[in-house]
Amino acid sequence: MLDTIENIKQDILDAAVADGALIAHRLDELWRTVISDNDDLQAENQKLTATIRVLEVEIKRLGGQIAKLNKMKFGPSADTNPQKGKDRDKSGTGSYGQPETGEGKPAEGTTTSEAKPRNQSGRGTRVWPPHLERREFYMGTKDGLCPCGCGGTIRDYDIKETPELIPAQFYIAVRKYPKYRCLQGKMVGTPFEPALIRGTTFSNGLLAHSIAMRFDCYLPWYRQERLFEACGISYPRSTLMRWATAVALGALLPMWQRIESEARSESWRLFMDESPMKELDPGRGRTRQVYLYALHRDDRSFGGNRPPLVIYYVGPTRSMKRIHEILSGMTAIVQTDAYSGYGRLGTPGTCVAGIKSPKCWSHARRKFTDEFDANKTPDADDIIQIIAELYAVEGKINGKPPDHRRSVRRKLSQPILDRLRCRLIELAEIHVVNNGMRKAIHYVLNHWAGLTMFVDDGRIDLDTNAVERLFKPTKLLAKNALFVGSDEGFEAWAILSSIVETCKLNRVRVEPYLKWIFDEISRNRGTVDYEKLLPWNAPLELRQA
């Protein structure tokens, strides 16, 4: 038995010696396979790692875009210093700088307890505007005696004031125009009161109300139709729209043309911007994008006395050609953003050679605020704070004459700009990756000449926020109306918006003003002096208090 085992053992050893080379070769093959697979896995790992990094960058970029869009839609304006407003005003004043405190007036013949001042939480006595009618209501017993029957008389009053609303209501004006029995055998009657829209039941007052509700209160036609129906009056939305368009393109077109002429020929400095809108595209079942342009004059920042105005233009595209058509032949300062469509303003040999085009610091700052909001980049915050110093200087000279503004800017703003430029050049060497920070840096450096024009011209502002604010009413109306129905409707939108917004800039009440000019145009057909009807020439009784 032992011999057998020994023989088997020897046989195994002999076989192992004989197959050693084969085993070694097999092990070598297995090792090379493992190494090859490992190399493949490492290459795949590197590829996946690179893909992950690319996707992380893309996710970060898209996240920044989402944050930016959310901020634009739901957040505060991007054209303000992000550090501004963190400390609340402790002065106890309201939003217009006037205290919201006051004392209630005692009822006649009685005394009242001293009213507590209204605090920031809204407690205390509110002061109502003095022009509001006050109606007193006695809320006690009929005989003025104590309700328990003891015979006690009134010693004091608790006063509670609440605003109440009288719902708007229509009335039918029945105008009786007499027809006379003339003893000379003639047919003598009384001429009808002139109306802007002849042959209809739509009065000038109702027309002014409808247009004001549309372009001042942003109420679309279909909602006005419902309000009219609730009062028992039937005016379809198509009728309201058709009459408003007819009035805009007819009676009010000369008004728009005179405002445009004033802006083009009597302005030292203008702001210009554009905004996209939606217009119905018939036959395609969809809308197309069109553009509303605004040309705005407001000289109050440098102490000018010309009345503020805004004129809106329409355009099918955002092209340089349309911008040049609007500004053709003008000689003025036209402050814009850095959109490439404004890139050739002031170029010799073109129709806009007389334009001087400074750029907007709020757009430059927005690049850095977006970067700081998305990535909390410290360098972006540094630039934001330096730009804030420029705005601090502007706050001290707002409303001052141009020469004074230029002198202060050369003394205070120029050193800030020099420091800012040096800092940007330094950061350009650090931020070499093509990210938001690098783009923001090169945006400012590439437009440095236009951004620094304000130093040597006191009529130029630091930004174009004034004209951007004038697109807010359009956006509010567009949210309710969704889109423009036709090219004619778009033209009417621009004309009516120009008149309404110019009224508001000149503190003229919109609806009474429209009623006034409709009456004047109706009474003086063919001989209307439109110059006297411009918003800044409106009677004092039409102006806001």
Protein backbone atom coordinates (compact mmCIF):
# COMPACT_ATOMS: atom_id res chain seq x y z
CA MET A 1 0.00 0.00 0.00
CA LEU A 2 2.79 2.36 0.94
CA ASP A 3 4.67 1.41 -2.19
CA THR A 4 1.62 2.32 -4.28
CA ILE A 5 1.29 5.73 -2.63
CA GLU A 6 4.96 6.43 -3.12
CA ASN A 7 4.68 5.46 -6.76
CA ILE A 8 1.72 7.80 -7.27
CA LYS A 9 3.59 10.58 -5.51
CA GLN A 10 6.60 10.07 -7.72
CA ASP A 11 4.42 10.00 -10.82
CA ILE A 12 2.84 13.32 -9.82
CA LEU A 13 6.23 14.90 -9.20
CA ASP A 14 7.53 13.62 -12.52
CA ALA A 15 4.45 15.03 -14.29
CA ALA A 16 4.84 18.39 -12.56
CA VAL A 17 8.47 18.60 -13.65
CA ALA A 18 7.49 17.74 -17.20
CA ASP A 19 4.59 20.26 -17.30
CA GLY A 20 6.37 23.10 -15.43
CA ALA A 21 7.15 25.02 -18.55
CA LEU A 22 3.52 24.70 -19.67
CA ILE A 23 2.23 25.92 -16.28
CA ALA A 24 4.64 28.83 -16.28
CA HIS A 25 3.56 29.77 -19.80
CA ARG A 26 -0.08 29.58 -18.78
CA LEU A 27 0.54 31.77 -15.73
CA ASP A 28 2.37 34.30 -17.90
CA GLU A 29 -0.57 34.45 -20.29
CA LEU A 30 -2.98 34.95 -17.42
CA TRP A 31 -0.82 37.74 -16.01
CA ARG A 32 -0.63 39.55 -19.34
CA THR A 33 -4.40 39.25 -19.67
CA VAL A 34 -4.89 40.76 -16.21
CA ILE A 35 -2.51 43.63 -17.04
CA SER A 36 -4.28 44.28 -20.36
CA ASP A 37 -7.70 44.24 -18.71
CA ASN A 38 -6.40 46.57 -16.01
CA ASP A 39 -5.10 49.01 -18.62
CA ASP A 40 -8.46 48.94 -20.38
CA LEU A 41 -10.29 49.54 -17.11
CA GLN A 42 -8.00 52.42 -16.21
CA ALA A 43 -8.52 54.00 -19.63
CA GLU A 44 -12.28 53.57 -19.26
CA ASN A 45 -12.07 55.03 -15.76
CA GLN A 46 -10.18 58.05 -17.04
CA LYS A 47 -12.71 58.51 -19.82
CA LEU A 48 -15.64 58.28 -17.38
CA THR A 49 -13.88 60.63 -14.97
CA ALA A 50 -13.44 63.18 -17.76
CA THR A 51 -17.10 62.75 -18.74
CA ILE A 52 -18.16 63.28 -15.14
CA ARG A 53 -16.12 66.46 -14.95
CA VAL A 54 -17.66 67.74 -18.19
CA LEU A 55 -21.14 66.90 -16.91
CA GLU A 56 -20.40 68.57 -13.58
CA VAL A 57 -19.37 71.73 -15.42
CA GLU A 58 -22.53 71.53 -17.56
CA ILE A 59 -24.72 70.92 -14.51
CA LYS A 60 -23.09 73.89 -12.81
CA ARG A 61 -23.65 76.03 -15.89
CA LEU A 62 -27.29 74.99 -16.23
CA GLY A 63 -27.80 75.46 -12.51
CA GLY A 64 -26.46 78.98 -12.85
CA GLN A 65 -28.84 79.66 -15.72
CA ILE A 66 -31.78 78.33 -13.72
CA ALA A 67 -30.77 80.46 -10.75
CA LYS A 68 -30.48 83.48 -13.03
CA LEU A 69 -33.90 82.86 -14.60
CA ASN A 70 -35.47 82.34 -11.18
CA LYS A 71 -33.91 85.57 -10.00
CA MET A 72 -35.19 87.41 -13.07
CA LYS A 73 -38.70 86.00 -12.62
CA PHE A 74 -39.12 85.85 -8.85
CA GLY A 75 -36.23 87.75 -7.29
CA PRO A 76 -35.38 91.43 -6.84
CA SER A 77 -33.92 93.49 -9.63
CA ALA A 78 -30.45 92.46 -10.76
CA ASP A 79 -29.61 96.11 -11.36
CA THR A 80 -29.00 96.84 -7.67
CA ASN A 81 -26.07 96.22 -5.40
CA PRO A 82 -26.62 92.76 -3.81
CA GLN A 83 -25.36 94.16 -0.50
CA LYS A 84 -27.93 96.94 -0.57
CA GLY A 85 -31.01 96.54 1.56
CA LYS A 86 -29.59 94.00 4.02
CA ASP A 87 -29.97 96.51 6.82
CA ARG A 88 -33.51 97.69 7.12
CA ASP A 89 -34.33 101.36 7.39
CA LYS A 90 -34.72 102.19 11.05
CA SER A 91 -36.20 105.63 10.50
CA GLY A 92 -39.79 104.49 10.75
CA THR A 93 -40.73 106.08 7.48
CA GLY A 94 -42.86 104.63 4.78
CA SER A 95 -41.82 103.67 1.29
CA TYR A 96 -41.98 107.25 0.06
CA GLY A 97 -40.07 108.74 2.96
CA GLN A 98 -43.16 109.93 4.80
CA PRO A 99 -44.03 108.66 8.26
CA GLU A 100 -47.01 106.36 8.41
CA THR A 101 -48.10 107.68 11.78
CA GLY A 102 -50.74 110.14 12.79
CA GLU A 103 -53.51 111.00 15.19
CA GLY A 104 -57.19 110.40 14.84
CA LYS A 105 -59.46 113.42 14.91
CA PRO A 106 -61.96 113.50 17.78
CA ALA A 107 -65.63 113.41 16.96
CA GLU A 108 -67.36 116.75 17.15
CA GLY A 109 -68.52 117.58 20.68
CA THR A 110 -66.64 114.74 22.34
CA THR A 111 -63.11 113.85 23.35
CA THR A 112 -61.06 110.86 22.36
CA SER A 113 -58.02 109.14 23.76
CA GLU A 114 -54.69 110.12 22.20
CA ALA A 115 -54.00 107.94 19.15
CA LYS A 116 -50.98 105.69 19.29
CA PRO A 117 -48.42 106.21 16.48
CA ARG A 118 -48.46 103.60 13.76
CA ASN A 119 -45.34 101.44 14.02
CA GLN A 120 -43.49 99.23 11.52
CA SER A 121 -45.62 96.21 12.36
CA GLY A 122 -48.74 98.06 11.18
CA ARG A 123 -50.27 98.75 14.59
CA GLY A 124 -51.52 102.17 15.57
CA THR A 125 -53.60 104.78 13.76
CA ARG A 126 -53.31 104.98 9.99
CA VAL A 127 -53.43 108.40 8.36
CA TRP A 128 -55.79 108.42 5.37
CA PRO A 129 -55.35 110.86 2.44
CA PRO A 130 -57.13 114.15 3.13
CA HIS A 131 -59.04 114.15 -0.19
CA LEU A 132 -61.07 111.07 0.79
CA GLU A 133 -64.62 111.80 1.91
CA ARG A 134 -65.36 110.92 5.54
CA ARG A 135 -68.80 109.67 6.56
CA GLU A 136 -69.55 109.30 10.25
CA PHE A 137 -71.80 106.51 11.53
CA TYR A 138 -73.16 106.49 15.08
CA MET A 139 -72.99 102.92 16.39
CA GLY A 140 -74.58 103.34 19.84
CA THR A 141 -78.13 103.19 21.23
CA LYS A 142 -80.84 105.28 19.60
CA ASP A 143 -81.43 107.43 22.66
CA GLY A 144 -77.74 107.84 23.44
CA LEU A 145 -78.15 106.32 26.92
CA CYS A 146 -76.39 103.39 28.54
CA PRO A 147 -77.85 100.11 27.18
CA CYS A 148 -78.19 98.62 30.69
CA GLY A 149 -81.02 101.05 31.48
CA CYS A 150 -79.26 103.07 34.18
CA GLY A 151 -79.69 106.33 32.27
CA GLY A 152 -75.97 107.05 31.87
CA THR A 153 -74.93 109.32 29.00
CA ILE A 154 -72.07 109.14 26.51
CA ARG A 155 -68.72 110.19 27.98
CA ASP A 156 -66.34 109.33 25.10
CA TYR A 157 -66.02 107.51 21.77
CA ASP A 158 -63.81 104.74 20.47
CA ILE A 159 -62.98 105.61 16.88
CA LYS A 160 -62.45 103.00 14.17
CA GLU A 161 -61.80 104.10 10.60
CA THR A 162 -62.08 101.67 7.68
CA PRO A 163 -62.02 102.37 3.94
CA GLU A 164 -65.23 101.45 2.14
CA LEU A 165 -65.83 101.09 -1.58
CA ILE A 166 -68.72 102.32 -3.69
CA PRO A 167 -68.81 99.88 -6.64
CA ALA A 168 -68.40 101.43 -10.08
CA GLN A 169 -71.69 101.75 -11.89
CA PHE A 170 -72.85 102.89 -15.30
CA TYR A 171 -75.61 105.34 -15.99
CA ILE A 172 -77.35 106.15 -19.24
CA ALA A 173 -76.91 109.77 -20.28
CA VAL A 174 -80.10 110.76 -22.09
CA ARG A 175 -79.24 113.90 -24.04
CA LYS A 176 -82.31 115.64 -25.45
CA TYR A 177 -81.47 117.80 -28.46
CA PRO A 178 -84.47 120.06 -29.10
CA LYS A 179 -85.93 120.64 -32.54
CA TYR A 180 -87.48 124.09 -32.86
CA ARG A 181 -90.63 125.19 -34.64
CA CYS A 182 -89.16 128.05 -36.60
CA LEU A 183 -91.60 130.79 -37.56
CA GLN A 184 -89.56 131.43 -40.70
CA GLY A 185 -90.33 127.97 -42.03
CA LYS A 186 -86.87 126.49 -41.40
CA MET A 187 -85.99 123.16 -39.83
CA VAL A 188 -83.94 124.19 -36.80
CA GLY A 189 -82.37 121.59 -34.54
CA THR A 190 -79.54 121.31 -32.04
CA PRO A 191 -76.21 119.84 -33.23
CA PHE A 192 -75.22 116.62 -31.55
CA GLU A 193 -72.32 116.70 -29.17
CA PRO A 194 -69.24 115.64 -31.18
CA ALA A 195 -67.82 112.18 -30.47
CA LEU A 196 -64.55 110.62 -31.48
CA ILE A 197 -66.24 107.44 -32.73
CA ARG A 198 -69.26 108.56 -34.70
CA GLY A 199 -72.40 106.53 -35.13
CA THR A 200 -71.89 104.41 -32.02
CA THR A 201 -73.05 104.43 -28.42
CA PHE A 202 -69.44 104.55 -27.20
CA SER A 203 -68.86 107.93 -25.57
CA ASN A 204 -65.50 109.68 -25.25
CA GLY A 205 -65.52 109.07 -21.51
CA LEU A 206 -66.14 105.35 -21.88
CA LEU A 207 -63.46 105.10 -24.57
CA ALA A 208 -60.96 106.87 -22.30
CA HIS A 209 -61.89 104.53 -19.46
CA SER A 210 -61.44 101.41 -21.58
CA ILE A 211 -58.03 102.47 -22.93
CA ALA A 212 -56.84 103.53 -19.47
CA MET A 213 -57.91 100.20 -18.00
CA ARG A 214 -56.01 98.42 -20.75
CA PHE A 215 -52.74 100.39 -20.79
CA ASP A 216 -52.63 101.92 -17.31
CA CYS A 217 -54.18 99.11 -15.25
CA TYR A 218 -53.11 96.28 -17.63
CA LEU A 219 -56.62 94.82 -17.93
CA PRO A 220 -57.06 92.85 -21.19
CA TRP A 221 -60.11 93.27 -23.36
CA TYR A 222 -61.80 90.02 -22.37
CA ARG A 223 -61.75 91.00 -18.68
CA GLN A 224 -63.21 94.39 -19.52
CA GLU A 225 -65.93 92.59 -21.46
CA ARG A 226 -66.79 90.61 -18.31
CA LEU A 227 -66.83 93.74 -16.16
CA PHE A 228 -69.18 95.46 -18.60
CA GLU A 229 -71.45 92.40 -18.65
CA ALA A 230 -71.55 92.37 -14.84
CA CYS A 231 -72.99 95.91 -15.03
CA GLY A 232 -75.53 94.95 -17.68
CA ILE A 233 -73.64 96.49 -20.63
CA SER A 234 -72.73 94.36 -23.64
CA TYR A 235 -69.54 95.35 -25.48
CA PRO A 236 -67.69 92.37 -27.02
CA ARG A 237 -63.92 92.31 -26.65
CA SER A 238 -63.56 92.48 -30.44
CA THR A 239 -65.47 95.77 -30.45
CA LEU A 240 -63.35 97.25 -27.66
CA MET A 241 -60.17 96.22 -29.44
CA ARG A 242 -61.34 97.47 -32.85
CA TRP A 243 -62.31 100.91 -31.53
CA ALA A 244 -59.12 101.35 -29.52
CA THR A 245 -57.02 100.37 -32.56
CA ALA A 246 -58.96 102.73 -34.83
CA VAL A 247 -58.49 105.64 -32.42
CA ALA A 248 -54.79 104.91 -31.97
CA LEU A 249 -54.03 104.67 -35.70
CA GLY A 250 -56.30 107.61 -36.51
CA ALA A 251 -56.92 110.39 -34.01
CA LEU A 252 -53.89 109.71 -31.79
CA LEU A 253 -51.28 109.06 -34.48
CA PRO A 254 -50.48 112.82 -34.82
CA MET A 255 -49.94 112.92 -31.04
CA TRP A 256 -47.43 110.07 -31.29
CA GLN A 257 -45.69 111.79 -34.20
CA ARG A 258 -45.28 115.01 -32.22
CA ILE A 259 -43.87 113.17 -29.22
CA GLU A 260 -41.45 111.42 -31.59
CA SER A 261 -40.47 114.73 -33.19
CA GLU A 262 -39.83 116.19 -29.75
CA ALA A 263 -37.64 113.22 -28.82
CA ARG A 264 -35.64 113.30 -32.06
CA SER A 265 -35.06 117.04 -32.45
CA GLU A 266 -35.14 118.49 -28.93
CA SER A 267 -33.16 115.99 -26.86
CA TRP A 268 -29.57 116.12 -25.63
CA ARG A 269 -29.59 112.61 -24.24
CA LEU A 270 -31.86 109.62 -24.76
CA PHE A 271 -31.99 106.07 -23.47
CA MET A 272 -32.79 103.20 -25.82
CA ASP A 273 -33.64 99.56 -25.25
CA GLU A 274 -35.78 96.81 -26.76
CA SER A 275 -37.88 93.96 -25.46
CA PRO A 276 -39.31 90.82 -27.14
CA MET A 277 -43.05 90.28 -27.45
CA LYS A 278 -45.31 87.63 -28.95
CA GLU A 279 -47.52 88.28 -31.97
CA LEU A 280 -50.10 85.90 -33.37
CA ASP A 281 -48.91 84.28 -36.60
CA PRO A 282 -52.11 83.62 -38.63
CA GLY A 283 -52.38 80.30 -40.41
CA ARG A 284 -49.63 78.61 -38.41
CA GLY A 285 -51.45 78.14 -35.12
CA ARG A 286 -48.62 79.70 -33.15
CA THR A 287 -47.01 83.01 -32.24
CA ARG A 288 -43.85 84.64 -33.55
CA GLN A 289 -41.40 86.89 -31.75
CA VAL A 290 -41.45 90.61 -32.48
CA TYR A 291 -39.77 93.51 -30.71
CA LEU A 292 -40.87 96.69 -29.00
CA TYR A 293 -38.25 99.48 -28.94
CA ALA A 294 -38.29 102.36 -26.47
CA LEU A 295 -36.64 105.77 -26.82
CA HIS A 296 -36.76 107.61 -23.49
CA ARG A 297 -35.87 111.16 -22.46
CA ASP A 298 -35.46 112.13 -18.84
CA ASP A 299 -33.13 115.06 -18.14
CA ARG A 300 -33.88 115.33 -14.43
CA SER A 301 -30.71 113.48 -13.45
CA PHE A 302 -28.56 116.38 -14.72
CA GLY A 303 -30.97 119.19 -13.83
CA GLY A 304 -32.55 119.53 -17.28
CA ASN A 305 -35.95 121.17 -17.63
CA ARG A 306 -37.26 119.44 -20.74
CA PRO A 307 -40.33 117.29 -20.05
CA PRO A 308 -39.73 113.53 -19.78
CA LEU A 309 -41.17 111.33 -22.50
CA VAL A 310 -41.02 107.86 -23.97
CA ILE A 311 -41.76 106.83 -27.53
CA TYR A 312 -42.27 103.18 -28.47
CA TYR A 313 -41.51 101.68 -31.88
CA VAL A 314 -42.33 98.24 -33.26
CA GLY A 315 -40.07 95.96 -35.26
CA PRO A 316 -40.24 92.43 -36.65
CA THR A 317 -36.65 91.73 -35.59
CA ARG A 318 -33.91 92.92 -33.26
CA SER A 319 -31.70 93.87 -36.17
CA MET A 320 -29.17 96.67 -36.51
CA LYS A 321 -31.11 97.83 -39.58
CA ARG A 322 -34.23 98.57 -37.52
CA ILE A 323 -32.19 100.38 -34.85
CA HIS A 324 -30.58 102.56 -37.52
CA GLU A 325 -34.00 103.31 -39.04
CA ILE A 326 -35.21 104.62 -35.69
CA LEU A 327 -32.11 106.74 -34.98
CA SER A 328 -31.38 107.82 -38.56
CA GLY A 329 -30.25 111.45 -38.88
CA MET A 330 -30.25 112.18 -35.15
CA THR A 331 -27.52 114.06 -33.29
CA ALA A 332 -27.68 113.17 -29.61
CA ILE A 333 -26.35 111.00 -26.83
CA VAL A 334 -28.16 107.64 -26.97
CA GLN A 335 -27.27 105.49 -23.98
CA THR A 336 -27.75 101.75 -24.56
CA ASP A 337 -26.59 98.35 -23.42
CA ALA A 338 -23.79 96.49 -25.21
CA TYR A 339 -26.01 94.56 -27.65
CA SER A 340 -24.23 94.25 -31.00
CA GLY A 341 -27.13 95.94 -32.81
CA TYR A 342 -25.96 99.22 -31.27
CA GLY A 343 -22.34 98.51 -32.19
CA ARG A 344 -22.07 100.91 -35.15
CA LEU A 345 -23.73 103.94 -33.55
CA GLY A 346 -21.51 106.95 -34.17
CA THR A 347 -19.62 105.33 -37.06
CA PRO A 348 -18.64 107.98 -39.66
CA GLY A 349 -20.34 107.64 -43.02
CA THR A 350 -23.48 105.97 -41.65
CA CYS A 351 -26.95 107.40 -41.02
CA VAL A 352 -26.19 107.26 -37.28
CA ALA A 353 -22.87 109.10 -37.40
CA GLY A 354 -24.23 111.83 -35.11
CA ILE A 355 -24.94 109.42 -32.25
CA LYS A 356 -22.73 109.22 -29.18
CA SER A 357 -23.38 105.88 -27.49
CA PRO A 358 -22.23 105.38 -23.89
CA LYS A 359 -22.81 101.99 -22.30
CA CYS A 360 -24.55 100.78 -19.15
CA TRP A 361 -22.83 99.92 -15.86
CA SER A 362 -25.82 98.00 -14.52
CA HIS A 363 -25.41 95.45 -17.32
CA ALA A 364 -21.71 95.17 -16.52
CA ARG A 365 -22.42 94.73 -12.83
CA ARG A 366 -25.05 92.11 -13.60
CA LYS A 367 -22.36 89.84 -15.03
CA PHE A 368 -20.58 89.83 -11.68
CA THR A 369 -23.73 89.55 -9.56
CA ASP A 370 -24.77 86.50 -11.58
CA GLU A 371 -21.34 84.96 -11.03
CA PHE A 372 -21.43 85.71 -7.31
CA ASP A 373 -24.96 84.35 -6.91
CA ALA A 374 -24.07 81.15 -8.79
CA ASN A 375 -20.60 80.39 -7.42
CA LYS A 376 -19.98 82.82 -4.53
CA THR A 377 -16.75 83.90 -6.24
CA PRO A 378 -14.92 86.32 -3.88
CA ASP A 379 -13.32 88.21 -6.77
CA ALA A 380 -16.78 88.91 -8.23
CA ASP A 381 -17.85 90.41 -4.92
CA ASP A 382 -14.74 92.61 -4.93
CA ILE A 383 -15.68 94.03 -8.33
CA ILE A 384 -19.28 94.56 -7.22
CA GLN A 385 -18.11 96.62 -4.26
CA ILE A 386 -15.86 98.78 -6.44
CA ILE A 387 -18.77 99.44 -8.83
CA ALA A 388 -20.87 100.32 -5.78
CA GLU A 389 -18.38 103.11 -5.07
CA LEU A 390 -19.17 104.59 -8.49
CA TYR A 391 -22.87 104.54 -7.65
CA ALA A 392 -22.18 106.18 -4.29
CA VAL A 393 -20.56 109.11 -6.10
CA GLU A 394 -23.55 109.32 -8.47
CA GLY A 395 -25.92 109.50 -5.52
CA LYS A 396 -24.25 112.73 -4.39
CA ILE A 397 -24.54 114.51 -7.75
CA ASN A 398 -27.93 113.32 -8.97
CA GLY A 399 -29.90 116.30 -10.25
CA LYS A 400 -26.87 118.60 -10.37
CA PRO A 401 -25.85 120.55 -13.51
CA PRO A 402 -23.64 118.76 -16.08
CA ASP A 403 -20.53 120.85 -15.36
CA HIS A 404 -20.71 120.06 -11.66
CA ARG A 405 -21.24 116.36 -12.36
CA ARG A 406 -18.27 116.28 -14.72
CA SER A 407 -16.02 118.02 -12.18
CA VAL A 408 -16.96 115.64 -9.36
CA ARG A 409 -16.61 112.57 -11.57
CA ARG A 410 -13.12 113.55 -12.67
CA LYS A 411 -12.12 114.06 -9.08
CA LEU A 412 -13.85 111.07 -7.42
CA SER A 413 -14.96 108.58 -10.08
CA GLN A 414 -11.82 108.54 -12.24
CA PRO A 415 -9.57 107.14 -9.44
CA ILE A 416 -12.18 104.42 -8.80
CA LEU A 417 -12.20 103.53 -12.49
CA ASP A 418 -8.39 103.38 -12.58
CA ARG A 419 -8.38 101.04 -9.61
CA LEU A 420 -11.15 98.93 -11.14
CA ARG A 421 -9.33 98.55 -14.46
CA CYS A 422 -6.09 97.50 -12.74
CA ARG A 423 -8.00 94.95 -10.69
CA LEU A 424 -9.75 93.54 -13.78
CA ILE A 425 -6.46 93.18 -15.67
CA GLU A 426 -4.99 91.41 -12.64
CA LEU A 427 -7.97 89.05 -12.39
CA ALA A 428 -7.84 88.33 -16.13
CA GLU A 429 -4.46 86.66 -15.53
CA ILE A 430 -5.91 84.54 -12.72
CA HIS A 431 -9.23 83.42 -14.22
CA VAL A 432 -8.01 81.67 -17.36
CA VAL A 433 -10.84 79.13 -17.56
CA ASN A 434 -13.64 80.28 -19.87
CA ASN A 435 -16.25 80.56 -17.13
CA GLY A 436 -18.68 83.22 -15.96
CA MET A 437 -16.04 85.24 -14.13
CA ARG A 438 -13.73 85.42 -17.12
CA LYS A 439 -16.61 86.42 -19.40
CA ALA A 440 -17.63 89.17 -16.96
CA ILE A 441 -14.07 90.53 -16.81
CA HIS A 442 -13.68 90.65 -20.58
CA TYR A 443 -17.17 92.16 -21.00
CA VAL A 444 -16.09 95.21 -19.00
CA LEU A 445 -12.64 95.47 -20.57
CA ASN A 446 -14.01 95.14 -24.11
CA HIS A 447 -16.56 97.94 -23.53
CA TRP A 448 -14.34 100.12 -21.37
CA ALA A 449 -14.47 103.15 -23.69
CA GLY A 450 -18.28 103.23 -23.71
CA LEU A 451 -18.52 102.53 -19.99
CA THR A 452 -16.22 105.44 -19.08
CA MET A 453 -17.73 108.14 -21.32
CA PHE A 454 -19.75 109.41 -18.36
CA VAL A 455 -16.64 110.86 -16.70
CA ASP A 456 -16.20 113.60 -19.31
CA ASP A 457 -19.89 114.35 -19.99
CA GLY A 458 -22.16 115.29 -17.11
CA ARG A 459 -25.30 114.57 -19.14
CA ILE A 460 -24.57 110.84 -19.27
CA ASP A 461 -25.94 108.56 -16.54
CA LEU A 462 -24.22 105.52 -15.12
CA ASP A 463 -26.83 103.07 -16.46
CA THR A 464 -29.94 102.63 -18.58
CA ASN A 465 -32.25 101.62 -15.74
CA ALA A 466 -34.56 104.54 -16.56
CA VAL A 467 -35.62 103.03 -19.89
CA GLU A 468 -35.63 99.45 -18.62
CA ARG A 469 -38.24 100.43 -16.02
CA LEU A 470 -40.49 101.61 -18.85
CA PHE A 471 -40.80 98.05 -20.14
CA LYS A 472 -42.36 96.88 -16.88
CA PRO A 473 -45.88 98.09 -17.84
CA THR A 474 -45.54 96.29 -21.18
CA LYS A 475 -44.50 93.08 -19.46
CA LEU A 476 -47.37 93.32 -16.98
CA LEU A 477 -49.85 93.79 -19.80
CA ALA A 478 -48.23 91.01 -21.84
CA LYS A 479 -48.68 88.62 -18.91
CA ASN A 480 -52.41 89.28 -19.03
CA ALA A 481 -52.87 89.62 -22.79
CA LEU A 482 -50.30 86.91 -23.71
CA PHE A 483 -49.73 88.12 -27.28
CA VAL A 484 -50.51 90.82 -29.84
CA GLY A 485 -53.19 89.89 -32.35
CA SER A 486 -51.90 91.62 -35.50
CA ASP A 487 -49.43 94.12 -36.93
CA GLU A 488 -52.06 96.86 -36.64
CA GLY A 489 -52.68 95.90 -33.03
CA PHE A 490 -48.95 96.06 -32.34
CA GLU A 491 -48.75 99.56 -33.85
CA ALA A 492 -51.72 100.64 -31.74
CA TRP A 493 -50.07 99.11 -28.66
CA ALA A 494 -46.95 101.23 -29.27
CA ILE A 495 -48.91 104.45 -29.85
CA LEU A 496 -51.19 104.10 -26.83
CA SER A 497 -48.35 102.97 -24.57
CA SER A 498 -46.29 106.00 -25.64
CA ILE A 499 -49.05 108.41 -24.69
CA VAL A 500 -50.01 106.66 -21.44
CA GLU A 501 -46.44 106.26 -20.17
CA THR A 502 -45.54 109.84 -21.11
CA CYS A 503 -48.56 110.97 -19.08
CA LYS A 504 -47.30 109.03 -16.08
CA LEU A 505 -43.78 110.45 -16.45
CA ASN A 506 -45.28 113.96 -16.33
CA ARG A 507 -47.58 113.11 -13.39
CA VAL A 508 -50.73 113.51 -15.49
CA ARG A 509 -53.76 111.37 -14.60
CA VAL A 510 -54.28 109.06 -17.54
CA GLU A 511 -58.05 108.61 -17.81
CA PRO A 512 -59.05 112.29 -17.35
CA TYR A 513 -56.30 113.28 -19.79
CA LEU A 514 -57.55 110.87 -22.46
CA LYS A 515 -61.10 112.14 -21.98
CA TRP A 516 -59.84 115.72 -22.36
CA ILE A 517 -57.92 115.12 -25.59
CA PHE A 518 -60.75 113.03 -27.06
CA ASP A 519 -63.17 115.90 -26.44
CA GLU A 520 -60.73 118.45 -27.90
CA ILE A 521 -60.10 116.37 -31.02
CA SER A 522 -63.84 115.75 -31.48
CA ARG A 523 -64.70 119.45 -31.21
CA ASN A 524 -61.91 120.66 -33.49
CA ARG A 525 -61.74 118.11 -36.29
CA GLY A 526 -59.36 119.30 -38.98
CA THR A 527 -58.05 122.22 -36.92
CA VAL A 528 -56.62 120.44 -33.90
CA ASP A 529 -53.52 122.01 -32.33
CA TYR A 530 -51.86 118.79 -31.18
CA GLU A 531 -48.98 120.69 -29.63
CA LYS A 532 -51.30 122.03 -26.92
CA LEU A 533 -52.62 118.52 -26.25
CA LEU A 534 -49.24 116.94 -25.41
CA PRO A 535 -49.11 115.49 -21.89
CA TRP A 536 -46.72 118.12 -20.50
CA ASN A 537 -49.13 120.86 -21.69
CA ALA A 538 -52.16 119.34 -19.93
CA PRO A 539 -54.22 121.63 -17.64
CA LEU A 540 -53.31 121.70 -13.97
CA GLU A 541 -56.57 120.02 -12.95
CA LEU A 542 -55.47 116.89 -14.82
CA ARG A 543 -52.21 116.58 -12.92
CA GLN A 544 -51.60 114.44 -9.87
CA ALA A 545 -51.39 116.19 -6.53
